[in-house]
Amino acid sequence: VKGRFTISRDNAEDTVNLQMNALKP
């Protein structure tokens, strides 16, 4: 998933997101 997925944190909202691009089956 390197180069396609990005993990990030929003401290204000206490959330952790996973942005997934170029998805594959």
mmCIF file of all heavy atoms, coordinates in Angstrom:
data_MODEL
# 
_entry.id   MODEL 
# 
loop_
_atom_site.group_PDB 
_atom_site.id 
_atom_site.type_symbol 
_atom_site.label_atom_id 
_atom_site.label_alt_id 
_atom_site.label_comp_id 
_atom_site.label_asym_id 
_atom_site.label_entity_id 
_atom_site.label_seq_id 
_atom_site.pdbx_PDB_ins_code 
_atom_site.Cartn_x 
_atom_site.Cartn_y 
_atom_site.Cartn_z 
_atom_site.occupancy 
_atom_site.B_iso_or_equiv 
_atom_site.pdbx_formal_charge 
_atom_site.auth_seq_id 
_atom_site.auth_comp_id 
_atom_site.auth_asym_id 
_atom_site.auth_atom_id 
_atom_site.pdbx_PDB_model_num 
ATOM 1   N N   . VAL A 1 1  ? 0.810   -1.216 0.000  1.00 0.00 ? 1  VAL A N   1 
ATOM 2   C CA  . VAL A 1 1  ? 0.000   0.000  0.000  1.00 0.00 ? 1  VAL A CA  1 
ATOM 3   C C   . VAL A 1 1  ? 0.842   1.264  0.000  1.00 0.00 ? 1  VAL A C   1 
ATOM 4   O O   . VAL A 1 1  ? 0.300   2.368  -0.080 1.00 0.00 ? 1  VAL A O   1 
ATOM 5   C CB  . VAL A 1 1  ? -0.980  0.038  1.203  1.00 0.00 ? 1  VAL A CB  1 
ATOM 6   C CG1 . VAL A 1 1  ? -1.799  -1.246 1.281  1.00 0.00 ? 1  VAL A CG1 1 
ATOM 7   C CG2 . VAL A 1 1  ? -0.265  0.305  2.506  1.00 0.00 ? 1  VAL A CG2 1 
ATOM 8   N N   . LYS A 1 2  ? 2.156   1.117  0.081  1.00 0.00 ? 2  LYS A N   1 
ATOM 9   C CA  . LYS A 1 2  ? 3.028   2.290  0.077  1.00 0.00 ? 2  LYS A CA  1 
ATOM 10  C C   . LYS A 1 2  ? 2.827   3.097  -1.198 1.00 0.00 ? 2  LYS A C   1 
ATOM 11  O O   . LYS A 1 2  ? 2.781   2.544  -2.295 1.00 0.00 ? 2  LYS A O   1 
ATOM 12  C CB  . LYS A 1 2  ? 4.496   1.862  0.200  1.00 0.00 ? 2  LYS A CB  1 
ATOM 13  C CG  . LYS A 1 2  ? 4.896   1.449  1.589  1.00 0.00 ? 2  LYS A CG  1 
ATOM 14  C CD  . LYS A 1 2  ? 6.363   1.032  1.632  1.00 0.00 ? 2  LYS A CD  1 
ATOM 15  C CE  . LYS A 1 2  ? 6.760   0.564  3.032  1.00 0.00 ? 2  LYS A CE  1 
ATOM 16  N NZ  . LYS A 1 2  ? 8.159   0.079  3.065  1.00 0.00 ? 2  LYS A NZ  1 
ATOM 17  N N   . GLY A 1 3  ? 2.724   4.409  -1.022 1.00 0.00 ? 3  GLY A N   1 
ATOM 18  C CA  . GLY A 1 3  ? 2.505   5.279  -2.161 1.00 0.00 ? 3  GLY A CA  1 
ATOM 19  C C   . GLY A 1 3  ? 1.047   5.423  -2.554 1.00 0.00 ? 3  GLY A C   1 
ATOM 20  O O   . GLY A 1 3  ? 0.704   6.292  -3.354 1.00 0.00 ? 3  GLY A O   1 
ATOM 21  N N   . ARG A 1 4  ? 0.180   4.567  -2.015 1.00 0.00 ? 4  ARG A N   1 
ATOM 22  C CA  . ARG A 1 4  ? -1.252  4.638  -2.330 1.00 0.00 ? 4  ARG A CA  1 
ATOM 23  C C   . ARG A 1 4  ? -2.090  5.026  -1.110 1.00 0.00 ? 4  ARG A C   1 
ATOM 24  O O   . ARG A 1 4  ? -3.094  5.718  -1.240 1.00 0.00 ? 4  ARG A O   1 
ATOM 25  C CB  . ARG A 1 4  ? -1.744  3.286  -2.852 1.00 0.00 ? 4  ARG A CB  1 
ATOM 26  C CG  . ARG A 1 4  ? -1.047  2.810  -4.099 1.00 0.00 ? 4  ARG A CG  1 
ATOM 27  C CD  . ARG A 1 4  ? -1.753  1.585  -4.687 1.00 0.00 ? 4  ARG A CD  1 
ATOM 28  N NE  . ARG A 1 4  ? -1.736  0.435  -3.792 1.00 0.00 ? 4  ARG A NE  1 
ATOM 29  C CZ  . ARG A 1 4  ? -2.823  -0.186 -3.352 1.00 0.00 ? 4  ARG A CZ  1 
ATOM 30  N NH1 . ARG A 1 4  ? -4.022  0.227  -3.709 1.00 0.00 ? 4  ARG A NH1 1 
ATOM 31  N NH2 . ARG A 1 4  ? -2.715  -1.246 -2.552 1.00 0.00 ? 4  ARG A NH2 1 
ATOM 32  N N   . PHE A 1 5  ? -1.697  4.573  0.067  1.00 0.00 ? 5  PHE A N   1 
ATOM 33  C CA  . PHE A 1 5  ? -2.447  4.832  1.292  1.00 0.00 ? 5  PHE A CA  1 
ATOM 34  C C   . PHE A 1 5  ? -1.679  5.831  2.158  1.00 0.00 ? 5  PHE A C   1 
ATOM 35  O O   . PHE A 1 5  ? -0.453  5.816  2.195  1.00 0.00 ? 5  PHE A O   1 
ATOM 36  C CB  . PHE A 1 5  ? -2.645  3.550  2.102  1.00 0.00 ? 5  PHE A CB  1 
ATOM 37  C CG  . PHE A 1 5  ? -3.592  2.551  1.500  1.00 0.00 ? 5  PHE A CG  1 
ATOM 38  C CD1 . PHE A 1 5  ? -4.049  2.660  0.184  1.00 0.00 ? 5  PHE A CD1 1 
ATOM 39  C CD2 . PHE A 1 5  ? -4.031  1.474  2.255  1.00 0.00 ? 5  PHE A CD2 1 
ATOM 40  C CE1 . PHE A 1 5  ? -4.917  1.745  -0.355 1.00 0.00 ? 5  PHE A CE1 1 
ATOM 41  C CE2 . PHE A 1 5  ? -4.894  0.539  1.730  1.00 0.00 ? 5  PHE A CE2 1 
ATOM 42  C CZ  . PHE A 1 5  ? -5.332  0.667  0.421  1.00 0.00 ? 5  PHE A CZ  1 
ATOM 43  N N   . THR A 1 6  ? -2.421  6.655  2.885  1.00 0.00 ? 6  THR A N   1 
ATOM 44  C CA  . THR A 1 6  ? -1.819  7.610  3.812  1.00 0.00 ? 6  THR A CA  1 
ATOM 45  C C   . THR A 1 6  ? -2.591  7.585  5.123  1.00 0.00 ? 6  THR A C   1 
ATOM 46  O O   . THR A 1 6  ? -3.812  7.770  5.137  1.00 0.00 ? 6  THR A O   1 
ATOM 47  C CB  . THR A 1 6  ? -1.842  9.037  3.245  1.00 0.00 ? 6  THR A CB  1 
ATOM 48  O OG1 . THR A 1 6  ? -1.162  9.069  1.989  1.00 0.00 ? 6  THR A OG1 1 
ATOM 49  C CG2 . THR A 1 6  ? -1.156  10.000 4.201  1.00 0.00 ? 6  THR A CG2 1 
ATOM 50  N N   . ILE A 1 7  ? -1.870  7.369  6.214  1.00 0.00 ? 7  ILE A N   1 
ATOM 51  C CA  . ILE A 1 7  ? -2.483  7.410  7.541  1.00 0.00 ? 7  ILE A CA  1 
ATOM 52  C C   . ILE A 1 7  ? -2.185  8.762  8.169  1.00 0.00 ? 7  ILE A C   1 
ATOM 53  O O   . ILE A 1 7  ? -1.077  9.287  8.032  1.00 0.00 ? 7  ILE A O   1 
ATOM 54  C CB  . ILE A 1 7  ? -1.970  6.261  8.442  1.00 0.00 ? 7  ILE A CB  1 
ATOM 55  C CG1 . ILE A 1 7  ? -2.750  6.210  9.744  1.00 0.00 ? 7  ILE A CG1 1 
ATOM 56  C CG2 . ILE A 1 7  ? -0.468  6.350  8.671  1.00 0.00 ? 7  ILE A CG2 1 
ATOM 57  C CD1 . ILE A 1 7  ? -2.444  4.959  10.592 1.00 0.00 ? 7  ILE A CD1 1 
ATOM 58  N N   . SER A 1 8  ? -3.188  9.334  8.824  1.00 0.00 ? 8  SER A N   1 
ATOM 59  C CA  . SER A 1 8  ? -2.994  10.644 9.432  1.00 0.00 ? 8  SER A CA  1 
ATOM 60  C C   . SER A 1 8  ? -3.867  10.752 10.676 1.00 0.00 ? 8  SER A C   1 
ATOM 61  O O   . SER A 1 8  ? -4.824  9.995  10.860 1.00 0.00 ? 8  SER A O   1 
ATOM 62  C CB  . SER A 1 8  ? -3.345  11.759 8.444  1.00 0.00 ? 8  SER A CB  1 
ATOM 63  O OG  . SER A 1 8  ? -4.702  11.683 8.060  1.00 0.00 ? 8  SER A OG  1 
ATOM 64  N N   . ARG A 1 9  ? -3.512  11.731 11.496 1.00 0.00 ? 9  ARG A N   1 
ATOM 65  C CA  . ARG A 1 9  ? -4.257  11.923 12.744 1.00 0.00 ? 9  ARG A CA  1 
ATOM 66  C C   . ARG A 1 9  ? -4.796  13.339 12.816 1.00 0.00 ? 9  ARG A C   1 
ATOM 67  O O   . ARG A 1 9  ? -4.114  14.289 12.443 1.00 0.00 ? 9  ARG A O   1 
ATOM 68  C CB  . ARG A 1 9  ? -3.331  11.670 13.937 1.00 0.00 ? 9  ARG A CB  1 
ATOM 69  C CG  . ARG A 1 9  ? -4.016  11.685 15.292 1.00 0.00 ? 9  ARG A CG  1 
ATOM 70  C CD  . ARG A 1 9  ? -3.029  11.943 16.432 1.00 0.00 ? 9  ARG A CD  1 
ATOM 71  N NE  . ARG A 1 9  ? -1.772  11.257 16.294 1.00 0.00 ? 9  ARG A NE  1 
ATOM 72  C CZ  . ARG A 1 9  ? -1.451  10.134 16.906 1.00 0.00 ? 9  ARG A CZ  1 
ATOM 73  N NH1 . ARG A 1 9  ? -2.330  9.529  17.686 1.00 0.00 ? 9  ARG A NH1 1 
ATOM 74  N NH2 . ARG A 1 9  ? -0.265  9.591  16.755 1.00 0.00 ? 9  ARG A NH2 1 
ATOM 75  N N   . ASP A 1 10 ? -5.995  13.472 13.298 1.00 0.00 ? 10 ASP A N   1 
ATOM 76  C CA  . ASP A 1 10 ? -6.577  14.778 13.595 1.00 0.00 ? 10 ASP A CA  1 
ATOM 77  C C   . ASP A 1 10 ? -6.743  14.840 15.110 1.00 0.00 ? 10 ASP A C   1 
ATOM 78  O O   . ASP A 1 10 ? -7.691  14.295 15.663 1.00 0.00 ? 10 ASP A O   1 
ATOM 79  C CB  . ASP A 1 10 ? -7.927  14.941 12.892 1.00 0.00 ? 10 ASP A CB  1 
ATOM 80  C CG  . ASP A 1 10 ? -8.535  16.315 13.120 1.00 0.00 ? 10 ASP A CG  1 
ATOM 81  O OD1 . ASP A 1 10 ? -8.197  16.976 14.115 1.00 0.00 ? 10 ASP A OD1 1 
ATOM 82  O OD2 . ASP A 1 10 ? -9.362  16.726 12.288 1.00 0.00 ? 10 ASP A OD2 1 
ATOM 83  N N   . ASN A 1 11 ? -5.794  15.493 15.781 1.00 0.00 ? 11 ASN A N   1 
ATOM 84  C CA  . ASN A 1 11 ? -5.809  15.502 17.243 1.00 0.00 ? 11 ASN A CA  1 
ATOM 85  C C   . ASN A 1 11 ? -7.026  16.229 17.809 1.00 0.00 ? 11 ASN A C   1 
ATOM 86  O O   . ASN A 1 11 ? -7.567  15.849 18.841 1.00 0.00 ? 11 ASN A O   1 
ATOM 87  C CB  . ASN A 1 11 ? -4.534  16.141 17.781 1.00 0.00 ? 11 ASN A CB  1 
ATOM 88  C CG  . ASN A 1 11 ? -3.330  15.248 17.588 1.00 0.00 ? 11 ASN A CG  1 
ATOM 89  O OD1 . ASN A 1 11 ? -3.430  14.024 17.703 1.00 0.00 ? 11 ASN A OD1 1 
ATOM 90  N ND2 . ASN A 1 11 ? -2.186  15.830 17.283 1.00 0.00 ? 11 ASN A ND2 1 
ATOM 91  N N   . ALA A 1 12 ? -7.443  17.257 17.108 1.00 0.00 ? 12 ALA A N   1 
ATOM 92  C CA  . ALA A 1 12 ? -8.580  18.033 17.592 1.00 0.00 ? 12 ALA A CA  1 
ATOM 93  C C   . ALA A 1 12 ? -9.846  17.184 17.627 1.00 0.00 ? 12 ALA A C   1 
ATOM 94  O O   . ALA A 1 12 ? -10.702 17.362 18.486 1.00 0.00 ? 12 ALA A O   1 
ATOM 95  C CB  . ALA A 1 12 ? -8.778  19.261 16.719 1.00 0.00 ? 12 ALA A CB  1 
ATOM 96  N N   . GLU A 1 13 ? -9.949  16.271 16.669 1.00 0.00 ? 13 GLU A N   1 
ATOM 97  C CA  . GLU A 1 13 ? -11.151 15.440 16.581 1.00 0.00 ? 13 GLU A CA  1 
ATOM 98  C C   . GLU A 1 13 ? -10.937 14.051 17.153 1.00 0.00 ? 13 GLU A C   1 
ATOM 99  O O   . GLU A 1 13 ? -11.856 13.239 17.178 1.00 0.00 ? 13 GLU A O   1 
ATOM 100 C CB  . GLU A 1 13 ? -11.577 15.321 15.111 1.00 0.00 ? 13 GLU A CB  1 
ATOM 101 C CG  . GLU A 1 13 ? -11.926 16.656 14.465 1.00 0.00 ? 13 GLU A CG  1 
ATOM 102 C CD  . GLU A 1 13 ? -13.190 17.258 15.030 1.00 0.00 ? 13 GLU A CD  1 
ATOM 103 O OE1 . GLU A 1 13 ? -14.074 16.492 15.492 1.00 0.00 ? 13 GLU A OE1 1 
ATOM 104 O OE2 . GLU A 1 13 ? -13.302 18.490 15.035 1.00 0.00 ? 13 GLU A OE2 1 
ATOM 105 N N   . ASP A 1 14 ? -9.705  13.746 17.602 1.00 0.00 ? 14 ASP A N   1 
ATOM 106 C CA  . ASP A 1 14 ? -9.396  12.406 18.099 1.00 0.00 ? 14 ASP A CA  1 
ATOM 107 C C   . ASP A 1 14 ? -9.750  11.348 17.073 1.00 0.00 ? 14 ASP A C   1 
ATOM 108 O O   . ASP A 1 14 ? -10.395 10.337 17.396 1.00 0.00 ? 14 ASP A O   1 
ATOM 109 C CB  . ASP A 1 14 ? -10.124 12.113 19.417 1.00 0.00 ? 14 ASP A CB  1 
ATOM 110 C CG  . ASP A 1 14 ? -9.218  12.298 20.621 1.00 0.00 ? 14 ASP A CG  1 
ATOM 111 O OD1 . ASP A 1 14 ? -7.982  12.276 20.445 1.00 0.00 ? 14 ASP A OD1 1 
ATOM 112 O OD2 . ASP A 1 14 ? -9.740  12.451 21.733 1.00 0.00 ? 14 ASP A OD2 1 
ATOM 113 N N   . THR A 1 15 ? -9.361  11.605 15.833 1.00 0.00 ? 15 THR A N   1 
ATOM 114 C CA  . THR A 1 15 ? -9.609  10.630 14.773 1.00 0.00 ? 15 THR A CA  1 
ATOM 115 C C   . THR A 1 15 ? -8.305  10.282 14.062 1.00 0.00 ? 15 THR A C   1 
ATOM 116 O O   . THR A 1 15 ? -7.371  11.077 14.018 1.00 0.00 ? 15 THR A O   1 
ATOM 117 C CB  . THR A 1 15 ? -10.612 11.150 13.730 1.00 0.00 ? 15 THR A CB  1 
ATOM 118 O OG1 . THR A 1 15 ? -10.081 12.345 13.144 1.00 0.00 ? 15 THR A OG1 1 
ATOM 119 C CG2 . THR A 1 15 ? -11.959 11.444 14.342 1.00 0.00 ? 15 THR A CG2 1 
ATOM 120 N N   . VAL A 1 16 ? -8.284  9.085  13.537 1.00 0.00 ? 16 VAL A N   1 
ATOM 121 C CA  . VAL A 1 16 ? -7.184  8.633  12.695 1.00 0.00 ? 16 VAL A CA  1 
ATOM 122 C C   . VAL A 1 16 ? -7.799  8.234  11.364 1.00 0.00 ? 16 VAL A C   1 
ATOM 123 O O   . VAL A 1 16 ? -8.743  7.440  11.326 1.00 0.00 ? 16 VAL A O   1 
ATOM 124 C CB  . VAL A 1 16 ? -6.435  7.443  13.318 1.00 0.00 ? 16 VAL A CB  1 
ATOM 125 C CG1 . VAL A 1 16 ? -5.378  6.927  12.357 1.00 0.00 ? 16 VAL A CG1 1 
ATOM 126 C CG2 . VAL A 1 16 ? -5.796  7.863  14.630 1.00 0.00 ? 16 VAL A CG2 1 
ATOM 127 N N   . ASN A 1 17 ? -7.265  8.790  10.288 1.00 0.00 ? 17 ASN A N   1 
ATOM 128 C CA  . ASN A 1 17 ? -7.821  8.538  8.966  1.00 0.00 ? 17 ASN A CA  1 
ATOM 129 C C   . ASN A 1 17 ? -6.881  7.692  8.124  1.00 0.00 ? 17 ASN A C   1 
ATOM 130 O O   . ASN A 1 17 ? -5.660  7.709  8.316  1.00 0.00 ? 17 ASN A O   1 
ATOM 131 C CB  . ASN A 1 17 ? -8.067  9.869  8.251  1.00 0.00 ? 17 ASN A CB  1 
ATOM 132 C CG  . ASN A 1 17 ? -9.049  10.741 9.002  1.00 0.00 ? 17 ASN A CG  1 
ATOM 133 O OD1 . ASN A 1 17 ? -10.080 10.262 9.464  1.00 0.00 ? 17 ASN A OD1 1 
ATOM 134 N ND2 . ASN A 1 17 ? -8.724  12.015 9.139  1.00 0.00 ? 17 ASN A ND2 1 
ATOM 135 N N   . LEU A 1 18 ? -7.463  6.981  7.197  1.00 0.00 ? 18 LEU A N   1 
ATOM 136 C CA  . LEU A 1 18 ? -6.693  6.223  6.223  1.00 0.00 ? 18 LEU A CA  1 
ATOM 137 C C   . LEU A 1 18 ? -7.200  6.616  4.840  1.00 0.00 ? 18 LEU A C   1 
ATOM 138 O O   . LEU A 1 18 ? -8.298  6.223  4.440  1.00 0.00 ? 18 LEU A O   1 
ATOM 139 C CB  . LEU A 1 18 ? -6.846  4.716  6.441  1.00 0.00 ? 18 LEU A CB  1 
ATOM 140 C CG  . LEU A 1 18 ? -5.965  3.851  5.533  1.00 0.00 ? 18 LEU A CG  1 
ATOM 141 C CD1 . LEU A 1 18 ? -4.494  4.029  5.897  1.00 0.00 ? 18 LEU A CD1 1 
ATOM 142 C CD2 . LEU A 1 18 ? -6.359  2.374  5.657  1.00 0.00 ? 18 LEU A CD2 1 
ATOM 143 N N   . GLN A 1 19 ? -6.415  7.422  4.151  1.00 0.00 ? 19 GLN A N   1 
ATOM 144 C CA  . GLN A 1 19 ? -6.746  7.823  2.787  1.00 0.00 ? 19 GLN A CA  1 
ATOM 145 C C   . GLN A 1 19 ? -6.225  6.748  1.850  1.00 0.00 ? 19 GLN A C   1 
ATOM 146 O O   . GLN A 1 19 ? -5.028  6.454  1.851  1.00 0.00 ? 19 GLN A O   1 
ATOM 147 C CB  . GLN A 1 19 ? -6.109  9.174  2.454  1.00 0.00 ? 19 GLN A CB  1 
ATOM 148 C CG  . GLN A 1 19 ? -6.263  9.599  1.011  1.00 0.00 ? 19 GLN A CG  1 
ATOM 149 C CD  . GLN A 1 19 ? -7.700  9.926  0.641  1.00 0.00 ? 19 GLN A CD  1 
ATOM 150 O OE1 . GLN A 1 19 ? -8.406  10.566 1.405  1.00 0.00 ? 19 GLN A OE1 1 
ATOM 151 N NE2 . GLN A 1 19 ? -8.132  9.470  -0.538 1.00 0.00 ? 19 GLN A NE2 1 
ATOM 152 N N   . MET A 1 20 ? -7.125  6.181  1.061  1.00 0.00 ? 20 MET A N   1 
ATOM 153 C CA  . MET A 1 20 ? -6.752  5.083  0.166  1.00 0.00 ? 20 MET A CA  1 
ATOM 154 C C   . MET A 1 20 ? -6.984  5.512  -1.279 1.00 0.00 ? 20 MET A C   1 
ATOM 155 O O   . MET A 1 20 ? -8.127  5.801  -1.660 1.00 0.00 ? 20 MET A O   1 
ATOM 156 C CB  . MET A 1 20 ? -7.576  3.838  0.498  1.00 0.00 ? 20 MET A CB  1 
ATOM 157 C CG  . MET A 1 20 ? -7.462  3.404  1.950  1.00 0.00 ? 20 MET A CG  1 
ATOM 158 S SD  . MET A 1 20 ? -8.284  1.836  2.294  1.00 0.00 ? 20 MET A SD  1 
ATOM 159 C CE  . MET A 1 20 ? -9.971  2.282  1.996  1.00 0.00 ? 20 MET A CE  1 
ATOM 160 N N   . ASN A 1 21 ? -5.917  5.590  -2.045 1.00 0.00 ? 21 ASN A N   1 
ATOM 161 C CA  . ASN A 1 21 ? -5.997  5.970  -3.454 1.00 0.00 ? 21 ASN A CA  1 
ATOM 162 C C   . ASN A 1 21 ? -5.577  4.800  -4.336 1.00 0.00 ? 21 ASN A C   1 
ATOM 163 O O   . ASN A 1 21 ? -4.982  3.833  -3.861 1.00 0.00 ? 21 ASN A O   1 
ATOM 164 C CB  . ASN A 1 21 ? -5.087  7.169  -3.732 1.00 0.00 ? 21 ASN A CB  1 
ATOM 165 C CG  . ASN A 1 21 ? -5.486  8.399  -2.947 1.00 0.00 ? 21 ASN A CG  1 
ATOM 166 O OD1 . ASN A 1 21 ? -6.661  8.657  -2.710 1.00 0.00 ? 21 ASN A OD1 1 
ATOM 167 N ND2 . ASN A 1 21 ? -4.489  9.163  -2.529 1.00 0.00 ? 21 ASN A ND2 1 
ATOM 168 N N   . ALA A 1 22 ? -5.893  4.919  -5.603 1.00 0.00 ? 22 ALA A N   1 
ATOM 169 C CA  . ALA A 1 22 ? -5.508  3.884  -6.578 1.00 0.00 ? 22 ALA A CA  1 
ATOM 170 C C   . ALA A 1 22 ? -5.883  2.500  -6.070 1.00 0.00 ? 22 ALA A C   1 
ATOM 171 O O   . ALA A 1 22 ? -5.053  1.574  -6.083 1.00 0.00 ? 22 ALA A O   1 
ATOM 172 C CB  . ALA A 1 22 ? -4.015  3.976  -6.888 1.00 0.00 ? 22 ALA A CB  1 
ATOM 173 N N   . LEU A 1 23 ? -7.100  2.360  -5.622 1.00 0.00 ? 23 LEU A N   1 
ATOM 174 C CA  . LEU A 1 23 ? -7.542  1.107  -5.031 1.00 0.00 ? 23 LEU A CA  1 
ATOM 175 C C   . LEU A 1 23 ? -7.479  -0.044 -6.023 1.00 0.00 ? 23 LEU A C   1 
ATOM 176 O O   . LEU A 1 23 ? -7.711  0.136  -7.236 1.00 0.00 ? 23 LEU A O   1 
ATOM 177 C CB  . LEU A 1 23 ? -8.969  1.262  -4.491 1.00 0.00 ? 23 LEU A CB  1 
ATOM 178 C CG  . LEU A 1 23 ? -9.088  2.047  -3.184 1.00 0.00 ? 23 LEU A CG  1 
ATOM 179 C CD1 . LEU A 1 23 ? -10.525 2.493  -2.942 1.00 0.00 ? 23 LEU A CD1 1 
ATOM 180 C CD2 . LEU A 1 23 ? -8.583  1.209  -2.023 1.00 0.00 ? 23 LEU A CD2 1 
ATOM 181 N N   . LYS A 1 24 ? -7.192  -1.217 -5.492 1.00 0.00 ? 24 LYS A N   1 
ATOM 182 C CA  . LYS A 1 24 ? -7.093  -2.436 -6.287 1.00 0.00 ? 24 LYS A CA  1 
ATOM 183 C C   . LYS A 1 24 ? -8.070  -3.468 -5.731 1.00 0.00 ? 24 LYS A C   1 
ATOM 184 O O   . LYS A 1 24 ? -8.392  -3.429 -4.539 1.00 0.00 ? 24 LYS A O   1 
ATOM 185 C CB  . LYS A 1 24 ? -5.667  -3.000 -6.221 1.00 0.00 ? 24 LYS A CB  1 
ATOM 186 C CG  . LYS A 1 24 ? -4.593  -2.037 -6.682 1.00 0.00 ? 24 LYS A CG  1 
ATOM 187 C CD  . LYS A 1 24 ? -3.209  -2.654 -6.508 1.00 0.00 ? 24 LYS A CD  1 
ATOM 188 C CE  . LYS A 1 24 ? -2.117  -1.694 -6.962 1.00 0.00 ? 24 LYS A CE  1 
ATOM 189 N NZ  . LYS A 1 24 ? -0.767  -2.288 -6.798 1.00 0.00 ? 24 LYS A NZ  1 
ATOM 190 N N   . PRO A 1 25 ? -8.516  -4.406 -6.566 1.00 0.00 ? 25 PRO A N   1 
ATOM 191 C CA  . PRO A 1 25 ? -9.423  -5.449 -6.056 1.00 0.00 ? 25 PRO A CA  1 
ATOM 192 C C   . PRO A 1 25 ? -8.845  -6.190 -4.852 1.00 0.00 ? 25 PRO A C   1 
ATOM 193 O O   . PRO A 1 25 ? -9.599  -6.595 -3.954 1.00 0.00 ? 25 PRO A O   1 
ATOM 194 C CB  . PRO A 1 25 ? -9.591  -6.371 -7.265 1.00 0.00 ? 25 PRO A CB  1 
ATOM 195 C CG  . PRO A 1 25 ? -9.409  -5.473 -8.442 1.00 0.00 ? 25 PRO A CG  1 
ATOM 196 C CD  . PRO A 1 25 ? -8.348  -4.486 -8.026 1.00 0.00 ? 25 PRO A CD  1 
# 
